[in-house]
Amino acid sequence: MLLTGLQSAHGGGLAEAAAALAATAAGAALAVAALLTACRARPAPPARIRTALRDRERRTAFLPQRDPDASGRPRPRAPGRPLPTAG
């Protein structure tokens, strides 16, 4: 209705108002069809979800710890004396 009001306020004809109304109706019908399709879809079985999570975990690269100084985490070793080298 807003589109048709704007069209008629700017001197648009009846054909342009009808086109705007048809476009709005088509968009609403498409949204309703998408919603109905989404509601009818069966959920994935839990075993498939577990497999997907496990596969994603295996593909994930190593991420450093966000807080290495948090309580309960061991402190990194301090650098020691240099090792004697051959030579």
Protein backbone atom coordinates (compact mmCIF):
# COMPACT_ATOMS: atom_id res chain seq x y z
CA MET A 1 0.00 0.00 0.00
CA LEU A 2 2.89 2.31 0.72
CA LEU A 3 4.31 1.70 -2.75
CA THR A 4 0.99 2.39 -4.45
CA GLY A 5 0.53 5.56 -2.40
CA LEU A 6 3.95 6.82 -3.40
CA GLN A 7 3.33 6.01 -7.04
CA SER A 8 0.01 7.84 -7.13
CA ALA A 9 1.43 10.83 -5.21
CA HIS A 10 4.10 11.31 -7.87
CA GLY A 11 1.64 11.19 -10.71
CA GLY A 12 2.13 7.51 -11.53
CA GLY A 13 -0.64 5.80 -13.43
CA LEU A 14 -2.84 2.91 -12.51
CA ALA A 15 -0.57 0.48 -14.38
CA GLU A 16 2.44 1.38 -12.23
CA ALA A 17 0.40 0.99 -9.05
CA ALA A 18 -0.81 -2.42 -10.21
CA ALA A 19 2.76 -3.47 -11.01
CA ALA A 20 3.92 -2.42 -7.55
CA LEU A 21 1.06 -4.32 -5.95
CA ALA A 22 1.84 -7.42 -8.03
CA ALA A 23 5.51 -7.26 -7.05
CA THR A 24 4.57 -6.99 -3.39
CA ALA A 25 2.19 -9.94 -3.65
CA ALA A 26 4.81 -12.04 -5.42
CA GLY A 27 7.38 -11.25 -2.74
CA ALA A 28 4.94 -12.17 0.02
CA ALA A 29 4.07 -15.46 -1.73
CA LEU A 30 7.76 -16.29 -2.09
CA ALA A 31 8.38 -15.59 1.60
CA VAL A 32 5.46 -17.81 2.64
CA ALA A 33 6.68 -20.63 0.36
CA ALA A 34 10.18 -20.41 1.82
CA LEU A 35 8.80 -20.50 5.35
CA LEU A 36 6.64 -23.55 4.64
CA THR A 37 9.54 -25.37 3.00
CA ALA A 38 11.79 -24.65 5.99
CA CYS A 39 9.18 -25.95 8.43
CA ARG A 40 8.79 -29.24 6.54
CA ALA A 41 12.51 -30.02 6.40
CA ARG A 42 13.58 -32.94 8.58
CA PRO A 43 16.32 -32.25 11.14
CA ALA A 44 19.68 -33.93 10.70
CA PRO A 45 20.22 -37.10 12.76
CA PRO A 46 22.49 -36.68 15.83
CA ALA A 47 25.10 -39.09 14.46
CA ARG A 48 25.54 -36.92 11.38
CA ILE A 49 25.96 -33.82 13.54
CA ARG A 50 28.59 -35.55 15.69
CA THR A 51 30.49 -36.65 12.59
CA ALA A 52 30.44 -33.13 11.18
CA LEU A 53 31.71 -31.67 14.45
CA ARG A 54 34.49 -34.26 14.68
CA ASP A 55 35.56 -33.62 11.07
CA ARG A 56 35.59 -29.87 11.63
CA GLU A 57 37.70 -30.34 14.76
CA ARG A 58 40.25 -32.34 12.79
CA ARG A 59 40.45 -29.68 10.08
CA THR A 60 40.81 -26.79 12.52
CA ALA A 61 44.32 -25.41 12.77
CA PHE A 62 46.02 -25.00 16.12
CA LEU A 63 44.96 -21.81 17.87
CA PRO A 64 47.18 -20.35 20.58
CA GLN A 65 45.78 -19.93 24.08
CA ARG A 66 44.13 -16.60 24.72
CA ASP A 67 45.48 -16.28 28.25
CA PRO A 68 48.60 -18.38 28.84
CA ASP A 69 49.01 -16.86 32.35
CA ALA A 70 45.58 -17.98 33.57
CA SER A 71 45.38 -19.80 36.90
CA GLY A 72 46.02 -23.51 36.63
CA ARG A 73 48.24 -23.28 33.56
CA PRO A 74 51.92 -24.20 33.91
CA ARG A 75 54.43 -21.46 33.30
CA PRO A 76 56.63 -21.85 30.24
CA ARG A 77 60.21 -22.91 30.86
CA ALA A 78 62.74 -20.18 31.19
CA PRO A 79 65.59 -20.16 28.69
CA GLY A 80 68.66 -21.91 30.08
CA ARG A 81 72.32 -21.79 29.34
CA PRO A 82 73.25 -22.24 25.70
CA LEU A 83 74.13 -25.80 24.78
CA PRO A 84 77.76 -26.47 23.95
CA THR A 85 78.15 -26.83 20.23
CA ALA A 86 80.58 -28.97 18.36
CA GLY A 87 83.22 -26.95 17.01
